[in-house]
Structures are given as C-alpha cells and as structure tokens.
Amino acid sequence: MDKKIILLAEDDVFVSDIYYRKLTNEGFDVKLASNGLEAIEKLKKDVPDLILLDVMMPYMNGKEVIKELKAKDEWKNIPVIFLTNVSEKDDMEPEILEQADKYLIKSHFTPAEVVEKIKSLL
C-alpha cells in the first residue's frame, strides 16, 4: 500500500517539527510548507491525501489557501484540517469553517489525537 501524503502547512518550526516526526513515525509521507504560498506551490507538484493547515501564516494565510483549494477541481476534494491556535469564535468566518473537514485548536489536542483525526478522514 502506498504511503498517504500529508501536506503540513505550518510557520512555527517547533510545531512543524513535532508533527513531522509524529506523522512520519505513523507511516505518512509528510511534505512541509512554512507558509501559504509554499503550500500552494507544493500542491502543484504533488497532490496530498490530506492537508494540515495553520490559519495564521505569512504571505498567504490558511483562509486564503483554503479558498484557493476549494476553487480548483483537482484540489477541492482533498480533506483539510485546520490546526491552529485561532479559536473559531475569534477570527473565523462561517463560510471558511464550513470548507474545512475538521477544526482543531493546537493547545486542545495532542499530536497523537491529531493523528487519530487524520486517520478517521483518510
């Protein structure tokens, strides 16, 4: 069976490193992007099975990335999990929230719990 590809778009190097290690240990092929523009560039090369997307990132934030994802036929069905510290009530428009498959606040979930959410979507 082919490894499932996860695109992790996260600008915090510490968080990115933790999830990269956890996901690779779980057998996923992890592609890293440190901002939204980089995430879009990676999507053009290699379509992932799932995207873990931070909201607050430089150059292009997670809200802009998901809008672009859902506008393209080849990307619109990729499951997206927002993994962020932005609480839903603070800063997320309902139409953006509806486009994501899951919305996880980093401080509320351990990496192991996030992996379980990923597996449930794949």
C-alpha atoms as a PDB file:
ATOM      1  CA  MET A   1       0.000   0.000   0.000  1.00  0.00           C
ATOM      2  CA  ASP A   2       1.278   3.448  -0.892  1.00  0.00           C
ATOM      3  CA  LYS A   3       2.068   5.848   1.886  1.00  0.00           C
ATOM      4  CA  LYS A   4      -0.545   8.536   2.357  1.00  0.00           C
ATOM      5  CA  ILE A   5       0.821  12.018   1.676  1.00  0.00           C
ATOM      6  CA  ILE A   6       0.132  14.755   4.214  1.00  0.00           C
ATOM      7  CA  LEU A   7       0.880  18.382   3.416  1.00  0.00           C
ATOM      8  CA  LEU A   8       1.656  20.218   6.650  1.00  0.00           C
ATOM      9  CA  ALA A   9       1.419  23.995   6.234  1.00  0.00           C
ATOM     10  CA  GLU A  10       2.758  25.488   9.477  1.00  0.00           C
ATOM     11  CA  ASP A  11       5.012  28.503  10.010  1.00  0.00           C
ATOM     12  CA  ASP A  12       6.098  27.596  13.557  1.00  0.00           C
ATOM     13  CA  VAL A  13       9.243  25.470  13.154  1.00  0.00           C
ATOM     14  CA  PHE A  14       8.834  23.841  16.584  1.00  0.00           C
ATOM     15  CA  VAL A  15       5.227  22.767  15.909  1.00  0.00           C
ATOM     16  CA  SER A  16       6.106  21.704  12.379  1.00  0.00           C
ATOM     17  CA  ASP A  17       8.958  19.536  13.649  1.00  0.00           C
ATOM     18  CA  ILE A  18       6.772  17.813  16.267  1.00  0.00           C
ATOM     19  CA  TYR A  19       4.065  16.960  13.729  1.00  0.00           C
ATOM     20  CA  TYR A  20       6.575  15.971  11.048  1.00  0.00           C
ATOM     21  CA  ARG A  21       8.165  13.425  13.390  1.00  0.00           C
ATOM     22  CA  LYS A  22       4.858  12.117  14.717  1.00  0.00           C
ATOM     23  CA  LEU A  23       3.333  11.711  11.261  1.00  0.00           C
ATOM     24  CA  THR A  24       6.420  10.077   9.701  1.00  0.00           C
ATOM     25  CA  ASN A  25       6.595   7.670  12.655  1.00  0.00           C
ATOM     26  CA  GLU A  26       2.953   6.786  11.888  1.00  0.00           C
ATOM     27  CA  GLY A  27       3.941   5.907   8.316  1.00  0.00           C
ATOM     28  CA  PHE A  28       2.825   9.032   6.456  1.00  0.00           C
ATOM     29  CA  ASP A  29       4.828  10.774   3.731  1.00  0.00           C
ATOM     30  CA  VAL A  30       4.930  14.359   5.036  1.00  0.00           C
ATOM     31  CA  LYS A  31       5.527  17.414   2.858  1.00  0.00           C
ATOM     32  CA  LEU A  32       6.268  20.640   4.720  1.00  0.00           C
ATOM     33  CA  ALA A  33       5.322  24.198   3.822  1.00  0.00           C
ATOM     34  CA  SER A  34       6.213  27.128   6.057  1.00  0.00           C
ATOM     35  CA  ASN A  35       3.603  29.490   4.589  1.00  0.00           C
ATOM     36  CA  GLY A  36       0.517  29.502   2.403  1.00  0.00           C
ATOM     37  CA  LEU A  37       2.305  30.342  -0.850  1.00  0.00           C
ATOM     38  CA  GLU A  38       4.703  27.460  -0.347  1.00  0.00           C
ATOM     39  CA  ALA A  39       1.731  25.158   0.366  1.00  0.00           C
ATOM     40  CA  ILE A  40       0.133  26.090  -2.977  1.00  0.00           C
ATOM     41  CA  GLU A  41       3.451  25.513  -4.784  1.00  0.00           C
ATOM     42  CA  LYS A  42       3.772  22.051  -3.186  1.00  0.00           C
ATOM     43  CA  LEU A  43       0.189  21.222  -4.214  1.00  0.00           C
ATOM     44  CA  LYS A  44       1.077  21.913  -7.844  1.00  0.00           C
ATOM     45  CA  LYS A  45       3.852  19.288  -7.684  1.00  0.00           C
ATOM     46  CA  ASP A  46       2.335  16.591  -5.505  1.00  0.00           C
ATOM     47  CA  VAL A  47      -1.354  16.352  -4.585  1.00  0.00           C
ATOM     48  CA  PRO A  48      -1.583  15.161  -0.960  1.00  0.00           C
ATOM     49  CA  ASP A  49      -4.198  12.870   0.548  1.00  0.00           C
ATOM     50  CA  LEU A  50      -4.825  15.380   3.342  1.00  0.00           C
ATOM     51  CA  ILE A  51      -3.746  18.902   4.316  1.00  0.00           C
ATOM     52  CA  LEU A  52      -2.995  20.073   7.864  1.00  0.00           C
ATOM     53  CA  LEU A  53      -3.352  23.823   7.602  1.00  0.00           C
ATOM     54  CA  ASP A  54      -2.428  26.556  10.047  1.00  0.00           C
ATOM     55  CA  VAL A  55      -4.554  29.705   9.847  1.00  0.00           C
ATOM     56  CA  MET A  56      -2.036  32.410  10.733  1.00  0.00           C
ATOM     57  CA  MET A  57       0.914  32.202   8.320  1.00  0.00           C
ATOM     58  CA  PRO A  58       2.976  34.728   6.392  1.00  0.00           C
ATOM     59  CA  TYR A  59       2.476  35.627   2.693  1.00  0.00           C
ATOM     60  CA  MET A  60      -0.810  33.761   2.386  1.00  0.00           C
ATOM     61  CA  ASN A  61      -2.848  32.666   5.396  1.00  0.00           C
ATOM     62  CA  GLY A  62      -4.826  29.453   5.830  1.00  0.00           C
ATOM     63  CA  LYS A  63      -8.112  31.156   4.952  1.00  0.00           C
ATOM     64  CA  GLU A  64      -6.686  32.276   1.598  1.00  0.00           C
ATOM     65  CA  VAL A  65      -5.189  28.825   0.981  1.00  0.00           C
ATOM     66  CA  ILE A  66      -8.482  27.001   1.573  1.00  0.00           C
ATOM     67  CA  LYS A  67     -10.334  29.412  -0.738  1.00  0.00           C
ATOM     68  CA  GLU A  68      -7.831  28.628  -3.497  1.00  0.00           C
ATOM     69  CA  LEU A  69      -8.018  24.882  -2.779  1.00  0.00           C
ATOM     70  CA  LYS A  70     -11.791  24.738  -3.000  1.00  0.00           C
ATOM     71  CA  ALA A  71     -11.798  26.776  -6.239  1.00  0.00           C
ATOM     72  CA  LYS A  72      -9.771  24.161  -8.161  1.00  0.00           C
ATOM     73  CA  ASP A  73     -11.358  20.908  -9.325  1.00  0.00           C
ATOM     74  CA  GLU A  74      -8.193  18.871  -8.783  1.00  0.00           C
ATOM     75  CA  TRP A  75      -7.852  20.078  -5.169  1.00  0.00           C
ATOM     76  CA  LYS A  76     -11.375  20.697  -3.896  1.00  0.00           C
ATOM     77  CA  ASN A  77     -11.912  17.166  -2.552  1.00  0.00           C
ATOM     78  CA  ILE A  78      -8.689  16.982  -0.521  1.00  0.00           C
ATOM     79  CA  PRO A  79      -9.612  16.745   3.179  1.00  0.00           C
ATOM     80  CA  VAL A  80      -8.401  19.782   5.125  1.00  0.00           C
ATOM     81  CA  ILE A  81      -7.851  20.009   8.869  1.00  0.00           C
ATOM     82  CA  PHE A  82      -7.288  23.465  10.293  1.00  0.00           C
ATOM     83  CA  LEU A  83      -4.673  23.034  13.028  1.00  0.00           C
ATOM     84  CA  THR A  84      -4.414  26.413  14.662  1.00  0.00           C
ATOM     85  CA  ASN A  85      -4.379  28.480  17.816  1.00  0.00           C
ATOM     86  CA  VAL A  86      -7.114  30.773  16.481  1.00  0.00           C
ATOM     87  CA  SER A  87     -10.338  29.923  18.227  1.00  0.00           C
ATOM     88  CA  GLU A  88     -13.336  29.685  15.915  1.00  0.00           C
ATOM     89  CA  LYS A  89     -15.238  32.472  17.613  1.00  0.00           C
ATOM     90  CA  ASP A  90     -12.353  34.919  17.396  1.00  0.00           C
ATOM     91  CA  ASP A  91     -11.458  35.077  13.792  1.00  0.00           C
ATOM     92  CA  MET A  92     -13.136  32.590  11.504  1.00  0.00           C
ATOM     93  CA  GLU A  93     -15.907  33.343   9.061  1.00  0.00           C
ATOM     94  CA  PRO A  94     -18.556  30.581   8.935  1.00  0.00           C
ATOM     95  CA  GLU A  95     -18.053  30.043   5.187  1.00  0.00           C
ATOM     96  CA  ILE A  96     -14.335  29.371   5.772  1.00  0.00           C
ATOM     97  CA  LEU A  97     -15.041  26.997   8.656  1.00  0.00           C
ATOM     98  CA  GLU A  98     -17.513  25.055   6.512  1.00  0.00           C
ATOM     99  CA  GLN A  99     -14.809  24.364   3.913  1.00  0.00           C
ATOM    100  CA  ALA A 100     -12.565  22.541   6.370  1.00  0.00           C
ATOM    101  CA  ASP A 101     -13.261  18.934   7.336  1.00  0.00           C
ATOM    102  CA  LYS A 102     -12.079  19.485  10.911  1.00  0.00           C
ATOM    103  CA  TYR A 103     -11.048  22.445  13.041  1.00  0.00           C
ATOM    104  CA  LEU A 104      -8.546  21.637  15.779  1.00  0.00           C
ATOM    105  CA  ILE A 105      -7.057  24.085  18.240  1.00  0.00           C
ATOM    106  CA  LYS A 106      -3.417  23.076  18.796  1.00  0.00           C
ATOM    107  CA  SER A 107      -3.475  23.503  22.558  1.00  0.00           C
ATOM    108  CA  HIS A 108      -6.557  21.262  22.895  1.00  0.00           C
ATOM    109  CA  PHE A 109      -5.155  18.193  21.120  1.00  0.00           C
ATOM    110  CA  THR A 110      -2.006  16.122  21.466  1.00  0.00           C
ATOM    111  CA  PRO A 111      -0.174  15.104  18.279  1.00  0.00           C
ATOM    112  CA  ALA A 112      -1.439  11.538  18.856  1.00  0.00           C
ATOM    113  CA  GLU A 113      -5.047  12.792  18.939  1.00  0.00           C
ATOM    114  CA  VAL A 114      -4.466  14.782  15.754  1.00  0.00           C
ATOM    115  CA  VAL A 115      -3.132  11.613  14.071  1.00  0.00           C
ATOM    116  CA  GLU A 116      -6.352   9.816  15.056  1.00  0.00           C
ATOM    117  CA  LYS A 117      -8.404  12.617  13.446  1.00  0.00           C
ATOM    118  CA  ILE A 118      -6.285  12.311  10.289  1.00  0.00           C
ATOM    119  CA  LYS A 119      -6.789   8.553  10.140  1.00  0.00           C
ATOM    120  CA  SER A 120     -10.534   8.992  10.543  1.00  0.00           C
ATOM    121  CA  LEU A 121     -10.608  11.199   7.442  1.00  0.00           C
ATOM    122  CA  LEU A 122      -8.410   9.019   5.216  1.00  0.00           C
END
